[in-house]
Amino acid sequence: MKCPGQDMQYWKPGAIFEVKCPKCGKEVEFFKDDPTRKCPSCGHRFLNPSLDFGCASYCQYAEQCIGNLPPELLAQKEDLLKDRVAIEMKRYFGRDFKRIGHATKVARYAERIGREEGANLAVVLAAAYLHDIGIKEAERKHQSTEAKYQEQEGPPVAREILNKLGANAGLIDEVCDIVGHHHHPRDEESPEFKSVYDADMIVNLEEKQEKAAGESNTEKLEKVIEKAFLTESGKSLAKEVLLRRKP
């Protein structure tokens, strides 16, 4: 089956347009689904400035579309799902800005840790945005926000969101596994779990610091960082964020 976005019978006016070559300024004709075109005048090949592959994060035909994209666009594919998961997380929490802010900060730290740990960032970021997604159901069903209830109720909600976005089954299973025990590390854990766990711990400790209004015990905090974190990257970032100094 052909992707509807590539079938010209569905195209609207403007699907074929001209763009000035960034090298020589001559007009180059583009079809909307052309990833690149070569300027017939000077030979320079450049990206389609109007290309939008947001559908690649959920469409079942995405691989057919993006398989031949240049590396600079393939590198962006990972961001597509991340951005859509972030949007769905915000929609789910609605006006609960505290929880939205917490998840967003965890995702930011997890991305940094995961990059340094060589983790799959698509998994890391999806899990980071969704790690506390079970909290609303925990409150509704159990009148509690305890970790065990969050972990119990989180995976079904995360799975529903990721299925809605068309994420692949392997990623969904891995993200749901992280969400389902994100407070309780096992003896052997993946770099993806460790990245989310350490990022969540940094944010939780940071929030406690803010509540304590600067009364945190530096020596005690240093011991926590050394003992409780699962990655060296997490320890390093924790020192930078919580102790306000570069490691």
Protein backbone atom coordinates (compact mmCIF):
# COMPACT_ATOMS: atom_id res chain seq x y z
CA MET A 1 0.00 0.00 0.00
CA LYS A 2 1.24 3.49 -0.84
CA CYS A 3 1.52 6.20 1.78
CA PRO A 4 -1.37 8.66 1.19
CA GLY A 5 1.06 11.53 1.68
CA GLN A 6 3.02 10.36 -1.34
CA ASP A 7 -0.01 9.69 -3.56
CA MET A 8 -0.38 12.70 -5.88
CA GLN A 9 -4.16 12.30 -6.10
CA TYR A 10 -4.35 13.60 -2.51
CA TRP A 11 -2.06 16.56 -3.10
CA LYS A 12 -3.34 20.10 -2.79
CA PRO A 13 -2.21 23.33 -4.50
CA GLY A 14 1.29 24.20 -3.39
CA ALA A 15 2.49 20.60 -3.32
CA ILE A 16 4.84 21.50 -6.18
CA PHE A 17 6.80 24.69 -5.62
CA GLU A 18 10.05 26.48 -6.40
CA VAL A 19 12.89 27.32 -4.02
CA LYS A 20 15.93 29.45 -4.62
CA CYS A 21 19.21 27.55 -4.61
CA PRO A 22 21.24 28.72 -1.58
CA LYS A 23 24.41 28.67 -3.70
CA CYS A 24 23.51 30.41 -6.96
CA GLY A 25 20.03 31.80 -6.36
CA LYS A 26 18.41 30.01 -9.30
CA GLU A 27 14.90 28.60 -8.88
CA VAL A 28 14.73 24.83 -8.23
CA GLU A 29 11.44 22.93 -8.50
CA PHE A 30 10.49 20.72 -5.56
CA PHE A 31 7.71 18.21 -5.07
CA LYS A 32 6.51 18.32 -1.46
CA ASP A 33 7.89 14.85 -0.69
CA ASP A 34 11.33 15.43 -2.23
CA PRO A 35 13.90 15.21 0.60
CA THR A 36 16.55 16.91 -1.57
CA ARG A 37 16.96 18.34 -5.06
CA LYS A 38 20.02 19.10 -7.13
CA CYS A 39 20.22 22.57 -8.66
CA PRO A 40 20.35 22.15 -12.45
CA SER A 41 22.31 25.37 -12.72
CA CYS A 42 25.22 24.93 -10.29
CA GLY A 43 24.87 21.29 -9.24
CA HIS A 44 24.43 22.04 -5.52
CA ARG A 45 22.19 19.53 -3.70
CA PHE A 46 20.16 20.92 -0.80
CA LEU A 47 17.35 19.94 1.55
CA ASN A 48 13.70 20.63 0.91
CA PRO A 49 13.05 23.60 3.27
CA SER A 50 9.36 22.70 3.58
CA LEU A 51 9.85 19.04 4.42
CA ASP A 52 7.88 17.92 7.47
CA PHE A 53 8.32 14.32 8.55
CA GLY A 54 6.36 14.60 11.78
CA CYS A 55 4.27 11.64 10.59
CA ALA A 56 7.39 9.45 10.74
CA SER A 57 6.93 9.02 14.48
CA TYR A 58 3.64 7.19 14.07
CA CYS A 59 2.93 6.21 10.44
CA GLN A 60 3.28 2.51 9.62
CA TYR A 61 4.73 3.44 6.22
CA ALA A 62 7.38 5.75 7.68
CA GLU A 63 10.32 3.51 6.84
CA GLN A 64 9.28 3.51 3.18
CA CYS A 65 9.38 7.31 3.23
CA ILE A 66 12.49 8.04 5.26
CA GLY A 67 14.74 5.14 4.36
CA ASN A 68 16.61 7.19 1.78
CA LEU A 69 16.72 10.47 3.63
CA PRO A 70 20.11 12.12 4.12
CA PRO A 71 21.77 11.66 7.53
CA GLU A 72 20.94 15.19 8.67
CA LEU A 73 17.23 14.37 8.46
CA LEU A 74 17.50 10.82 9.74
CA ALA A 75 19.13 12.26 12.86
CA GLN A 76 15.92 14.18 13.53
CA LYS A 77 13.68 11.09 13.49
CA GLU A 78 14.37 10.40 17.16
CA ASP A 79 13.08 13.83 18.11
CA LEU A 80 9.73 13.28 16.40
CA LEU A 81 8.42 10.69 18.86
CA LYS A 82 9.91 12.57 21.81
CA ASP A 83 8.02 15.73 20.93
CA ARG A 84 4.73 13.90 20.41
CA VAL A 85 5.07 12.02 23.71
CA ALA A 86 5.74 15.32 25.49
CA ILE A 87 2.58 16.80 23.97
CA GLU A 88 0.48 13.79 25.01
CA MET A 89 1.91 13.91 28.53
CA LYS A 90 0.92 17.57 28.83
CA ARG A 91 -2.55 16.85 27.50
CA TYR A 92 -2.98 14.01 29.98
CA PHE A 93 -1.96 16.09 32.99
CA GLY A 94 -3.96 19.09 31.79
CA ARG A 95 -3.49 22.01 34.17
CA ASP A 96 -1.35 20.04 36.59
CA PHE A 97 1.66 22.22 35.85
CA LYS A 98 3.69 20.88 38.75
CA ARG A 99 3.69 17.35 37.34
CA ILE A 100 4.23 18.60 33.80
CA GLY A 101 7.22 20.61 35.00
CA HIS A 102 8.61 17.63 36.90
CA ALA A 103 8.37 15.29 33.90
CA THR A 104 9.86 17.89 31.57
CA LYS A 105 12.84 18.45 33.84
CA VAL A 106 13.39 14.70 34.27
CA ALA A 107 13.37 14.33 30.49
CA ARG A 108 15.94 17.10 30.10
CA TYR A 109 18.32 15.54 32.61
CA ALA A 110 17.67 12.01 31.32
CA GLU A 111 18.55 13.05 27.79
CA ARG A 112 21.89 14.42 28.95
CA ILE A 113 22.68 11.35 31.05
CA GLY A 114 21.47 8.95 28.38
CA ARG A 115 23.57 10.57 25.71
CA GLU A 116 26.70 10.19 27.83
CA GLU A 117 25.79 6.60 28.77
CA GLY A 118 25.17 5.54 25.17
CA ALA A 119 21.50 4.77 25.80
CA ASN A 120 18.70 4.70 23.24
CA LEU A 121 17.40 8.24 23.57
CA ALA A 122 14.03 7.45 22.03
CA VAL A 123 13.37 5.03 24.89
CA VAL A 124 14.96 7.30 27.50
CA LEU A 125 12.92 10.36 26.57
CA ALA A 126 9.60 8.53 26.16
CA ALA A 127 10.09 6.84 29.54
CA ALA A 128 11.20 10.07 31.18
CA TYR A 129 8.13 11.98 30.01
CA LEU A 130 5.83 9.13 31.05
CA HIS A 131 7.54 7.86 34.21
CA ASP A 132 4.91 9.35 36.56
CA ILE A 133 1.97 8.99 34.17
CA GLY A 134 0.25 6.53 36.54
CA ILE A 135 -0.12 9.04 39.34
CA LYS A 136 -3.62 10.19 38.37
CA GLU A 137 -4.96 6.64 38.29
CA ALA A 138 -3.15 5.91 41.58
CA GLU A 139 -4.98 8.81 43.18
CA ARG A 140 -8.30 7.82 41.64
CA LYS A 141 -8.14 4.11 42.45
CA HIS A 142 -6.06 4.03 45.61
CA GLN A 143 -6.32 7.58 46.98
CA SER A 144 -2.53 7.50 47.13
CA THR A 145 0.50 8.66 45.19
CA GLU A 146 2.78 5.98 46.66
CA ALA A 147 5.45 4.68 44.31
CA LYS A 148 3.99 1.17 44.19
CA TYR A 149 0.66 2.47 42.94
CA GLN A 150 2.27 4.76 40.38
CA GLU A 151 4.26 1.81 39.07
CA GLN A 152 1.16 -0.39 39.01
CA GLU A 153 -1.06 2.08 37.18
CA GLY A 154 1.51 3.72 34.93
CA PRO A 155 2.24 1.07 32.27
CA PRO A 156 -1.34 0.74 30.92
CA VAL A 157 -1.60 4.52 30.50
CA ALA A 158 1.86 4.74 28.92
CA ARG A 159 1.03 1.87 26.57
CA GLU A 160 -2.20 3.54 25.48
CA ILE A 161 -0.37 6.78 24.70
CA LEU A 162 2.44 5.08 22.79
CA ASN A 163 0.03 2.87 20.85
CA LYS A 164 -1.91 5.97 19.90
CA LEU A 165 1.31 7.46 18.53
CA GLY A 166 2.13 4.28 16.61
CA ALA A 167 5.42 3.58 18.38
CA ASN A 168 6.97 0.21 17.62
CA ALA A 169 6.19 -2.71 19.92
CA GLY A 170 9.74 -3.11 21.22
CA LEU A 171 9.99 0.51 22.28
CA ILE A 172 6.56 0.37 23.92
CA ASP A 173 7.48 -2.73 25.93
CA GLU A 174 10.78 -1.22 27.07
CA VAL A 175 9.23 2.10 28.08
CA CYS A 176 6.39 0.40 29.96
CA ASP A 177 8.87 -1.81 31.78
CA ILE A 178 10.78 1.27 32.97
CA VAL A 179 7.58 3.07 33.98
CA GLY A 180 6.47 -0.06 35.87
CA HIS A 181 9.43 -0.08 38.26
CA HIS A 182 11.07 3.33 37.89
CA HIS A 183 11.45 3.73 41.67
CA HIS A 184 12.83 0.26 42.24
CA PRO A 185 15.97 -0.72 40.29
CA ARG A 186 16.70 -4.40 39.77
CA ASP A 187 20.10 -6.01 40.14
CA GLU A 188 20.77 -5.62 36.42
CA GLU A 189 19.40 -2.59 34.61
CA SER A 190 19.68 -1.13 31.12
CA PRO A 191 21.37 2.21 30.40
CA GLU A 192 17.90 3.51 29.52
CA PHE A 193 16.47 2.66 32.95
CA LYS A 194 19.53 4.03 34.73
CA SER A 195 19.32 7.31 32.82
CA VAL A 196 15.68 7.86 33.79
CA TYR A 197 16.22 6.71 37.38
CA ASP A 198 19.15 9.05 37.96
CA ALA A 199 17.40 11.98 36.29
CA ASP A 200 14.28 11.45 38.42
CA MET A 201 16.42 11.29 41.55
CA ILE A 202 18.13 14.56 40.67
CA VAL A 203 14.81 16.32 40.20
CA ASN A 204 13.34 14.85 43.40
CA LEU A 205 16.38 15.96 45.40
CA GLU A 206 16.29 19.36 43.71
CA GLU A 207 12.64 19.80 44.68
CA LYS A 208 13.46 18.87 48.29
CA GLN A 209 16.25 21.44 48.24
CA GLU A 210 13.85 24.13 47.12
CA LYS A 211 11.40 23.27 49.89
CA ALA A 212 14.19 23.36 52.47
CA ALA A 213 15.06 26.91 51.38
CA GLY A 214 18.80 26.40 51.30
CA GLU A 215 19.04 24.36 54.49
CA SER A 216 20.29 21.18 52.80
CA ASN A 217 23.17 19.30 54.38
CA THR A 218 25.94 19.30 51.79
CA GLU A 219 27.87 16.44 53.36
CA LYS A 220 24.74 14.26 53.54
CA LEU A 221 23.87 15.13 49.96
CA GLU A 222 27.34 14.16 48.76
CA LYS A 223 26.94 10.73 50.39
CA VAL A 224 23.55 10.24 48.72
CA ILE A 225 25.01 11.11 45.34
CA GLU A 226 27.87 8.65 45.75
CA LYS A 227 25.71 5.76 46.97
CA ALA A 228 22.30 6.07 45.34
CA PHE A 229 23.00 6.98 41.73
CA LEU A 230 23.37 4.28 39.10
CA THR A 231 25.59 6.02 36.54
CA GLU A 232 28.72 8.12 36.64
CA SER A 233 27.03 10.60 34.33
CA GLY A 234 24.16 10.89 36.79
CA LYS A 235 26.54 11.47 39.70
CA SER A 236 28.36 14.13 37.75
CA LEU A 237 25.17 15.94 36.78
CA ALA A 238 23.81 15.66 40.33
CA LYS A 239 26.91 17.38 41.71
CA GLU A 240 26.57 20.12 39.13
CA VAL A 241 22.87 20.68 39.80
CA LEU A 242 22.58 20.01 43.52
CA LEU A 243 25.95 21.15 44.81
CA ARG A 244 26.12 24.05 42.35
CA ARG A 245 29.59 23.24 41.16
CA LYS A 246 31.19 21.67 38.17
CA PRO A 247 32.46 18.11 38.91
